[in-house]
Amino acid sequence: MNYRGRFETRKKGPADLVTDADHAAQHAIERLLAEQRPEDAFIGEESPSDERPDEDRVCWIVDPLDGTTNYVHGLPAYATSVAAVRGRQLLAGAIYDPNRDELFAAGAGQGATLNAAPIRVTDCVSPGEALVAVSLPATYRAESPDLDDLVWAVRTTQAVRRSGSAALNLAYVACGRLDAHWAYHIHPWDSAAGALLVREAGGVLTGRGGAEFDVWQGHYVVAATSELHAAITTGLKPLGA
């Protein structure tokens, strides 16, 4: 928050921004974890690695500023996401929204909370009654399945939102502000903490098409109930389509 109005902005790729605030936040988190958990692995958005850590080693997956484009434009929809995983197992996760001073947190088998109060997904079962959020990639083609899914959602659901922060979308499903959310192309640091939040809040989480969710793969579908999840999974484009 201290960097607002005095940061430099650079491009990591087309329509993909990074600021001094991203790097400063990641360095602060990495330093703290190095002091407290020196034996653990670390993967951050600003220092990505193609190598997955050993299956038996705890790895911290960090997005220091999810929603950088919003941050650059002063739109208050961004957050910091931190998760601990071992292999494919989600162990713990937290998402912090500094604008609303909201801390979403979850531990495996321990439930999910918002500012220490328990949270729960909604009981929505029908797409026609669902408020959903979509994540779109930084760039896409006219024939992109993401756009096909967006058109399907606009026609089928009660309303569609694109917040620009996958972490907040997942947190909002967990606390009942949204009924469902999906992403076709996503990174582990965007989804790891939020995926655990949804599960611990009673939601349904799978990979695209209903496959088992793998935090290291770039797709997921989450919904408040199994009925809603099944309907959305059926309506979305299958992988590779």
C-alpha atoms as a PDB file:
ATOM      1  CA  MET A   1       0.000   0.000   0.000  1.00  0.00           C
ATOM      2  CA  ASN A   2       2.940   2.322   0.665  1.00  0.00           C
ATOM      3  CA  TYR A   3       3.967   2.061  -2.978  1.00  0.00           C
ATOM      4  CA  ARG A   4       0.720   3.507  -4.315  1.00  0.00           C
ATOM      5  CA  GLY A   5       1.385   6.558  -6.491  1.00  0.00           C
ATOM      6  CA  ARG A   6       5.180   6.139  -6.468  1.00  0.00           C
ATOM      7  CA  PHE A   7       5.873   2.851  -8.245  1.00  0.00           C
ATOM      8  CA  GLU A   8       7.350   2.110 -11.641  1.00  0.00           C
ATOM      9  CA  THR A   9       5.425  -0.156 -14.004  1.00  0.00           C
ATOM     10  CA  ARG A  10       6.942  -2.604 -16.466  1.00  0.00           C
ATOM     11  CA  LYS A  11       5.571  -5.225 -18.842  1.00  0.00           C
ATOM     12  CA  LYS A  12       6.274  -8.918 -18.335  1.00  0.00           C
ATOM     13  CA  GLY A  13       4.413  -9.632 -21.576  1.00  0.00           C
ATOM     14  CA  PRO A  14       1.541  -8.304 -23.691  1.00  0.00           C
ATOM     15  CA  ALA A  15      -1.077  -6.820 -21.336  1.00  0.00           C
ATOM     16  CA  ASP A  16       0.821  -8.276 -18.354  1.00  0.00           C
ATOM     17  CA  LEU A  17       2.163  -5.678 -15.915  1.00  0.00           C
ATOM     18  CA  VAL A  18       4.545  -5.802 -12.973  1.00  0.00           C
ATOM     19  CA  THR A  19       5.447  -3.017 -10.530  1.00  0.00           C
ATOM     20  CA  ASP A  20       8.016  -2.277  -7.854  1.00  0.00           C
ATOM     21  CA  ALA A  21       5.287  -3.131  -5.354  1.00  0.00           C
ATOM     22  CA  ASP A  22       5.052  -6.713  -6.685  1.00  0.00           C
ATOM     23  CA  HIS A  23       8.769  -7.255  -6.178  1.00  0.00           C
ATOM     24  CA  ALA A  24       8.914  -5.535  -2.779  1.00  0.00           C
ATOM     25  CA  ALA A  25       6.000  -7.563  -1.428  1.00  0.00           C
ATOM     26  CA  GLN A  26       7.478 -10.833  -2.676  1.00  0.00           C
ATOM     27  CA  HIS A  27      10.892 -10.070  -1.192  1.00  0.00           C
ATOM     28  CA  ALA A  28       9.290  -9.290   2.180  1.00  0.00           C
ATOM     29  CA  ILE A  29       7.390 -12.598   2.190  1.00  0.00           C
ATOM     30  CA  GLU A  30      10.414 -14.572   0.988  1.00  0.00           C
ATOM     31  CA  ARG A  31      12.661 -13.083   3.688  1.00  0.00           C
ATOM     32  CA  LEU A  32      10.172 -13.918   6.419  1.00  0.00           C
ATOM     33  CA  LEU A  33       9.747 -17.500   5.228  1.00  0.00           C
ATOM     34  CA  ALA A  34      13.510 -17.953   4.899  1.00  0.00           C
ATOM     35  CA  GLU A  35      13.849 -16.966   8.558  1.00  0.00           C
ATOM     36  CA  GLN A  36      10.950 -19.038   9.861  1.00  0.00           C
ATOM     37  CA  ARG A  37      10.995 -22.028   7.449  1.00  0.00           C
ATOM     38  CA  PRO A  38      14.512 -22.262   5.943  1.00  0.00           C
ATOM     39  CA  GLU A  39      14.065 -25.908   4.963  1.00  0.00           C
ATOM     40  CA  ASP A  40      11.039 -25.212   2.757  1.00  0.00           C
ATOM     41  CA  ALA A  41      10.906 -24.461  -0.967  1.00  0.00           C
ATOM     42  CA  PHE A  42       9.611 -21.170  -2.367  1.00  0.00           C
ATOM     43  CA  ILE A  43       7.944 -20.279  -5.667  1.00  0.00           C
ATOM     44  CA  GLY A  44       6.726 -16.742  -6.318  1.00  0.00           C
ATOM     45  CA  GLU A  45       5.104 -15.123  -9.320  1.00  0.00           C
ATOM     46  CA  GLU A  46       8.079 -12.806  -9.765  1.00  0.00           C
ATOM     47  CA  SER A  47      10.559 -15.709  -9.562  1.00  0.00           C
ATOM     48  CA  PRO A  48       8.724 -18.594 -11.245  1.00  0.00           C
ATOM     49  CA  SER A  49      10.353 -21.992 -11.673  1.00  0.00           C
ATOM     50  CA  ASP A  50       9.620 -24.803 -14.100  1.00  0.00           C
ATOM     51  CA  GLU A  51      10.957 -27.292 -11.562  1.00  0.00           C
ATOM     52  CA  ARG A  52       8.502 -28.696  -9.080  1.00  0.00           C
ATOM     53  CA  PRO A  53       9.853 -29.239  -5.556  1.00  0.00           C
ATOM     54  CA  ASP A  54      10.293 -32.707  -4.086  1.00  0.00           C
ATOM     55  CA  GLU A  55       6.981 -34.380  -3.258  1.00  0.00           C
ATOM     56  CA  ASP A  56       7.859 -34.643   0.436  1.00  0.00           C
ATOM     57  CA  ARG A  57       9.027 -31.044   0.820  1.00  0.00           C
ATOM     58  CA  VAL A  58       6.751 -28.180   1.828  1.00  0.00           C
ATOM     59  CA  CYS A  59       6.629 -25.486  -0.836  1.00  0.00           C
ATOM     60  CA  TRP A  60       5.330 -21.957  -0.340  1.00  0.00           C
ATOM     61  CA  ILE A  61       3.535 -20.608  -3.422  1.00  0.00           C
ATOM     62  CA  VAL A  62       3.182 -16.823  -3.404  1.00  0.00           C
ATOM     63  CA  ASP A  63       1.485 -14.190  -5.508  1.00  0.00           C
ATOM     64  CA  PRO A  64       2.617 -10.944  -3.890  1.00  0.00           C
ATOM     65  CA  LEU A  65       0.117  -8.820  -5.817  1.00  0.00           C
ATOM     66  CA  ASP A  66      -2.687 -10.594  -7.638  1.00  0.00           C
ATOM     67  CA  GLY A  67      -4.490  -7.989  -9.703  1.00  0.00           C
ATOM     68  CA  THR A  68      -1.537  -5.800 -10.669  1.00  0.00           C
ATOM     69  CA  THR A  69      -3.397  -4.102 -13.516  1.00  0.00           C
ATOM     70  CA  ASN A  70      -6.128  -3.079 -11.066  1.00  0.00           C
ATOM     71  CA  TYR A  71      -3.433  -1.822  -8.677  1.00  0.00           C
ATOM     72  CA  VAL A  72      -1.785   0.263 -11.415  1.00  0.00           C
ATOM     73  CA  HIS A  73      -5.111   1.906 -12.299  1.00  0.00           C
ATOM     74  CA  GLY A  74      -6.169   2.467  -8.697  1.00  0.00           C
ATOM     75  CA  LEU A  75      -9.018  -0.041  -8.867  1.00  0.00           C
ATOM     76  CA  PRO A  76      -9.286  -1.562  -5.362  1.00  0.00           C
ATOM     77  CA  ALA A  77      -9.467  -5.220  -6.402  1.00  0.00           C
ATOM     78  CA  TYR A  78      -6.121  -6.848  -5.651  1.00  0.00           C
ATOM     79  CA  ALA A  79      -4.689  -9.086  -2.962  1.00  0.00           C
ATOM     80  CA  THR A  80      -1.707 -11.033  -1.697  1.00  0.00           C
ATOM     81  CA  SER A  81      -1.972 -14.820  -1.846  1.00  0.00           C
ATOM     82  CA  VAL A  82       0.241 -17.245   0.106  1.00  0.00           C
ATOM     83  CA  ALA A  83      -0.142 -21.029   0.240  1.00  0.00           C
ATOM     84  CA  ALA A  84       1.787 -24.007   1.576  1.00  0.00           C
ATOM     85  CA  VAL A  85       1.641 -27.273  -0.383  1.00  0.00           C
ATOM     86  CA  ARG A  86       3.342 -30.646  -0.291  1.00  0.00           C
ATOM     87  CA  GLY A  87       3.246 -32.322  -3.686  1.00  0.00           C
ATOM     88  CA  ARG A  88      -0.379 -31.901  -4.743  1.00  0.00           C
ATOM     89  CA  GLN A  89      -1.641 -31.609  -1.165  1.00  0.00           C
ATOM     90  CA  LEU A  90      -2.899 -28.180  -0.117  1.00  0.00           C
ATOM     91  CA  LEU A  91      -1.814 -27.584   3.471  1.00  0.00           C
ATOM     92  CA  ALA A  92      -2.596 -23.958   4.294  1.00  0.00           C
ATOM     93  CA  GLY A  93      -3.504 -20.759   2.528  1.00  0.00           C
ATOM     94  CA  ALA A  94      -4.214 -17.091   3.120  1.00  0.00           C
ATOM     95  CA  ILE A  95      -5.430 -14.250   0.925  1.00  0.00           C
ATOM     96  CA  TYR A  96      -5.237 -10.683   2.193  1.00  0.00           C
ATOM     97  CA  ASP A  97      -7.140  -7.759   0.689  1.00  0.00           C
ATOM     98  CA  PRO A  98      -5.414  -4.598   1.992  1.00  0.00           C
ATOM     99  CA  ASN A  99      -8.148  -2.267   0.753  1.00  0.00           C
ATOM    100  CA  ARG A 100     -10.863  -3.915   2.843  1.00  0.00           C
ATOM    101  CA  ASP A 101      -8.493  -5.212   5.546  1.00  0.00           C
ATOM    102  CA  GLU A 102      -9.859  -8.712   4.965  1.00  0.00           C
ATOM    103  CA  LEU A 103      -7.823 -11.806   5.699  1.00  0.00           C
ATOM    104  CA  PHE A 104      -9.152 -15.078   4.303  1.00  0.00           C
ATOM    105  CA  ALA A 105      -7.407 -18.122   5.766  1.00  0.00           C
ATOM    106  CA  ALA A 106      -7.709 -21.897   5.709  1.00  0.00           C
ATOM    107  CA  GLY A 107      -5.873 -24.962   6.949  1.00  0.00           C
ATOM    108  CA  ALA A 108      -6.406 -28.488   5.665  1.00  0.00           C
ATOM    109  CA  GLY A 109      -9.184 -30.031   7.740  1.00  0.00           C
ATOM    110  CA  GLN A 110      -9.572 -26.891   9.843  1.00  0.00           C
ATOM    111  CA  GLY A 111     -12.215 -24.923   7.938  1.00  0.00           C
ATOM    112  CA  ALA A 112     -11.997 -21.461   6.409  1.00  0.00           C
ATOM    113  CA  THR A 113     -12.276 -18.031   7.986  1.00  0.00           C
ATOM    114  CA  LEU A 114     -12.594 -14.350   7.152  1.00  0.00           C
ATOM    115  CA  ASN A 115     -10.921 -12.196   9.798  1.00  0.00           C
ATOM    116  CA  ALA A 116     -11.070 -15.230  12.117  1.00  0.00           C
ATOM    117  CA  ALA A 117     -14.849 -15.754  11.652  1.00  0.00           C
ATOM    118  CA  PRO A 118     -15.953 -19.013   9.958  1.00  0.00           C
ATOM    119  CA  ILE A 119     -17.142 -18.726   6.368  1.00  0.00           C
ATOM    120  CA  ARG A 120     -19.263 -20.963   4.175  1.00  0.00           C
ATOM    121  CA  VAL A 121     -20.220 -21.173   0.511  1.00  0.00           C
ATOM    122  CA  THR A 122     -23.796 -20.499  -0.630  1.00  0.00           C
ATOM    123  CA  ASP A 123     -26.425 -23.156  -1.302  1.00  0.00           C
ATOM    124  CA  CYS A 124     -26.956 -22.126  -4.950  1.00  0.00           C
ATOM    125  CA  VAL A 125     -27.712 -25.090  -7.216  1.00  0.00           C
ATOM    126  CA  SER A 126     -28.813 -23.494 -10.503  1.00  0.00           C
ATOM    127  CA  PRO A 127     -26.708 -21.482 -12.995  1.00  0.00           C
ATOM    128  CA  GLY A 128     -29.718 -19.265 -13.593  1.00  0.00           C
ATOM    129  CA  GLU A 129     -29.541 -18.110  -9.972  1.00  0.00           C
ATOM    130  CA  ALA A 130     -25.742 -17.915  -9.793  1.00  0.00           C
ATOM    131  CA  LEU A 131     -23.441 -14.916  -9.686  1.00  0.00           C
ATOM    132  CA  VAL A 132     -20.235 -16.200 -11.274  1.00  0.00           C
ATOM    133  CA  ALA A 133     -16.758 -14.873 -11.989  1.00  0.00           C
ATOM    134  CA  VAL A 134     -14.531 -15.707 -14.929  1.00  0.00           C
ATOM    135  CA  SER A 135     -10.782 -15.395 -15.361  1.00  0.00           C
ATOM    136  CA  LEU A 136      -9.531 -14.516 -18.832  1.00  0.00           C
ATOM    137  CA  PRO A 137      -5.876 -14.723 -19.935  1.00  0.00           C
ATOM    138  CA  ALA A 138      -3.823 -11.619 -20.649  1.00  0.00           C
ATOM    139  CA  THR A 139      -4.080 -12.352 -24.382  1.00  0.00           C
ATOM    140  CA  TYR A 140      -6.393 -14.596 -26.373  1.00  0.00           C
ATOM    141  CA  ARG A 141      -7.541 -15.313 -29.911  1.00  0.00           C
ATOM    142  CA  ALA A 142     -11.014 -14.793 -31.326  1.00  0.00           C
ATOM    143  CA  GLU A 143     -11.572 -18.568 -31.253  1.00  0.00           C
ATOM    144  CA  SER A 144     -10.364 -18.889 -27.661  1.00  0.00           C
ATOM    145  CA  PRO A 145     -12.410 -21.291 -25.503  1.00  0.00           C
ATOM    146  CA  ASP A 146     -12.315 -18.617 -22.781  1.00  0.00           C
ATOM    147  CA  LEU A 147     -14.498 -16.372 -24.926  1.00  0.00           C
ATOM    148  CA  ASP A 148     -16.859 -19.222 -25.772  1.00  0.00           C
ATOM    149  CA  ASP A 149     -17.239 -19.896 -22.063  1.00  0.00           C
ATOM    150  CA  LEU A 150     -17.901 -16.221 -21.387  1.00  0.00           C
ATOM    151  CA  VAL A 151     -20.687 -16.142 -23.975  1.00  0.00           C
ATOM    152  CA  TRP A 152     -22.186 -19.314 -22.486  1.00  0.00           C
ATOM    153  CA  ALA A 153     -22.045 -17.834 -18.993  1.00  0.00           C
ATOM    154  CA  VAL A 154     -23.652 -14.540 -20.029  1.00  0.00           C
ATOM    155  CA  ARG A 155     -26.532 -16.440 -21.585  1.00  0.00           C
ATOM    156  CA  THR A 156     -26.945 -19.015 -18.821  1.00  0.00           C
ATOM    157  CA  THR A 157     -26.128 -17.516 -15.424  1.00  0.00           C
ATOM    158  CA  GLN A 158     -27.776 -14.737 -13.452  1.00  0.00           C
ATOM    159  CA  ALA A 159     -24.744 -12.446 -13.882  1.00  0.00           C
ATOM    160  CA  VAL A 160     -21.041 -12.599 -14.721  1.00  0.00           C
ATOM    161  CA  ARG A 161     -18.118 -10.685 -13.222  1.00  0.00           C
ATOM    162  CA  ARG A 162     -14.455 -10.358 -14.185  1.00  0.00           C
ATOM    163  CA  SER A 163     -12.636  -8.843 -11.226  1.00  0.00           C
ATOM    164  CA  GLY A 164      -9.071  -9.166 -12.478  1.00  0.00           C
ATOM    165  CA  SER A 165      -8.003 -11.133  -9.381  1.00  0.00           C
ATOM    166  CA  ALA A 166      -8.407 -14.909  -9.376  1.00  0.00           C
ATOM    167  CA  ALA A 167      -7.380 -15.030  -5.710  1.00  0.00           C
ATOM    168  CA  LEU A 168     -10.224 -12.733  -4.691  1.00  0.00           C
ATOM    169  CA  ASN A 169     -12.667 -14.628  -6.914  1.00  0.00           C
ATOM    170  CA  LEU A 170     -11.830 -17.847  -5.071  1.00  0.00           C
ATOM    171  CA  ALA A 171     -12.033 -16.144  -1.689  1.00  0.00           C
ATOM    172  CA  TYR A 172     -15.423 -14.702  -2.607  1.00  0.00           C
ATOM    173  CA  VAL A 173     -16.782 -18.120  -3.547  1.00  0.00           C
ATOM    174  CA  ALA A 174     -15.558 -19.385  -0.179  1.00  0.00           C
ATOM    175  CA  CYS A 175     -17.361 -16.638   1.746  1.00  0.00           C
ATOM    176  CA  GLY A 176     -20.548 -16.674  -0.341  1.00  0.00           C
ATOM    177  CA  ARG A 177     -20.184 -13.448  -2.312  1.00  0.00           C
ATOM    178  CA  LEU A 178     -19.897 -15.464  -5.517  1.00  0.00           C
ATOM    179  CA  ASP A 179     -21.478 -18.819  -6.355  1.00  0.00           C
ATOM    180  CA  ALA A 180     -18.904 -20.116  -8.850  1.00  0.00           C
ATOM    181  CA  HIS A 181     -15.655 -19.292 -10.618  1.00  0.00           C
ATOM    182  CA  TRP A 182     -13.488 -20.943 -13.251  1.00  0.00           C
ATOM    183  CA  ALA A 183     -10.242 -20.426 -15.106  1.00  0.00           C
ATOM    184  CA  TYR A 184      -8.841 -22.098 -18.191  1.00  0.00           C
ATOM    185  CA  HIS A 185      -5.301 -20.705 -17.973  1.00  0.00           C
ATOM    186  CA  ILE A 186      -4.045 -20.021 -14.457  1.00  0.00           C
ATOM    187  CA  HIS A 187      -0.835 -20.280 -12.435  1.00  0.00           C
ATOM    188  CA  PRO A 188      -0.316 -22.081  -9.105  1.00  0.00           C
ATOM    189  CA  TRP A 189       0.324 -18.813  -7.285  1.00  0.00           C
ATOM    190  CA  ASP A 190      -3.067 -17.504  -8.424  1.00  0.00           C
ATOM    191  CA  SER A 191      -5.046 -20.513  -7.241  1.00  0.00           C
ATOM    192  CA  ALA A 192      -3.307 -22.459  -4.468  1.00  0.00           C
ATOM    193  CA  ALA A 193      -4.544 -20.522  -1.430  1.00  0.00           C
ATOM    194  CA  GLY A 194      -8.006 -19.882  -2.854  1.00  0.00           C
ATOM    195  CA  ALA A 195      -8.526 -23.501  -3.840  1.00  0.00           C
ATOM    196  CA  LEU A 196      -8.028 -24.602  -0.248  1.00  0.00           C
ATOM    197  CA  LEU A 197     -10.330 -21.831   0.973  1.00  0.00           C
ATOM    198  CA  VAL A 198     -13.139 -23.078  -1.270  1.00  0.00           C
ATOM    199  CA  ARG A 199     -12.707 -26.684  -0.168  1.00  0.00           C
ATOM    200  CA  GLU A 200     -12.570 -25.816   3.510  1.00  0.00           C
ATOM    201  CA  ALA A 201     -15.665 -23.606   3.149  1.00  0.00           C
ATOM    202  CA  GLY A 202     -17.660 -26.546   1.761  1.00  0.00           C
ATOM    203  CA  GLY A 203     -17.361 -25.800  -1.944  1.00  0.00           C
ATOM    204  CA  VAL A 204     -16.649 -28.142  -4.845  1.00  0.00           C
ATOM    205  CA  LEU A 205     -13.314 -27.886  -6.630  1.00  0.00           C
ATOM    206  CA  THR A 206     -12.062 -29.885  -9.602  1.00  0.00           C
ATOM    207  CA  GLY A 207      -9.915 -29.493 -12.637  1.00  0.00           C
ATOM    208  CA  ARG A 208     -11.485 -28.640 -15.962  1.00  0.00           C
ATOM    209  CA  GLY A 209     -14.019 -31.252 -17.043  1.00  0.00           C
ATOM    210  CA  GLY A 210     -14.322 -32.711 -13.556  1.00  0.00           C
ATOM    211  CA  ALA A 211     -10.804 -34.120 -13.331  1.00  0.00           C
ATOM    212  CA  GLU A 212      -9.026 -34.135  -9.982  1.00  0.00           C
ATOM    213  CA  PHE A 213      -7.679 -30.685  -9.178  1.00  0.00           C
ATOM    214  CA  ASP A 214      -3.907 -30.383  -9.491  1.00  0.00           C
ATOM    215  CA  VAL A 215      -2.486 -27.099  -8.230  1.00  0.00           C
ATOM    216  CA  TRP A 216       0.387 -27.409 -10.715  1.00  0.00           C
ATOM    217  CA  GLN A 217      -1.955 -27.484 -13.724  1.00  0.00           C
ATOM    218  CA  GLY A 218      -3.480 -24.389 -15.316  1.00  0.00           C
ATOM    219  CA  HIS A 219      -7.228 -24.930 -14.974  1.00  0.00           C
ATOM    220  CA  TYR A 220     -10.031 -25.387 -12.444  1.00  0.00           C
ATOM    221  CA  VAL A 221     -13.762 -25.078 -11.829  1.00  0.00           C
ATOM    222  CA  VAL A 222     -15.142 -24.186  -8.398  1.00  0.00           C
ATOM    223  CA  ALA A 223     -18.759 -23.921  -7.304  1.00  0.00           C
ATOM    224  CA  ALA A 224     -20.736 -23.662  -4.104  1.00  0.00           C
ATOM    225  CA  THR A 225     -22.613 -26.946  -4.536  1.00  0.00           C
ATOM    226  CA  SER A 226     -22.160 -30.198  -6.432  1.00  0.00           C
ATOM    227  CA  GLU A 227     -25.321 -29.510  -8.463  1.00  0.00           C
ATOM    228  CA  LEU A 228     -24.065 -26.108  -9.599  1.00  0.00           C
ATOM    229  CA  HIS A 229     -20.605 -27.495 -10.270  1.00  0.00           C
ATOM    230  CA  ALA A 230     -22.011 -30.269 -12.466  1.00  0.00           C
ATOM    231  CA  ALA A 231     -24.124 -27.832 -14.482  1.00  0.00           C
ATOM    232  CA  ILE A 232     -21.232 -25.437 -15.042  1.00  0.00           C
ATOM    233  CA  THR A 233     -18.775 -28.199 -15.906  1.00  0.00           C
ATOM    234  CA  THR A 234     -21.217 -29.492 -18.527  1.00  0.00           C
ATOM    235  CA  GLY A 235     -21.650 -26.030 -20.048  1.00  0.00           C
ATOM    236  CA  LEU A 236     -17.948 -25.124 -20.308  1.00  0.00           C
ATOM    237  CA  LYS A 237     -15.719 -26.051 -23.223  1.00  0.00           C
ATOM    238  CA  PRO A 238     -13.776 -29.284 -22.582  1.00  0.00           C
ATOM    239  CA  LEU A 239      -9.997 -29.191 -22.331  1.00  0.00           C
ATOM    240  CA  GLY A 240      -8.348 -29.028 -25.727  1.00  0.00           C
ATOM    241  CA  ALA A 241     -11.550 -27.988 -27.536  1.00  0.00           C
END
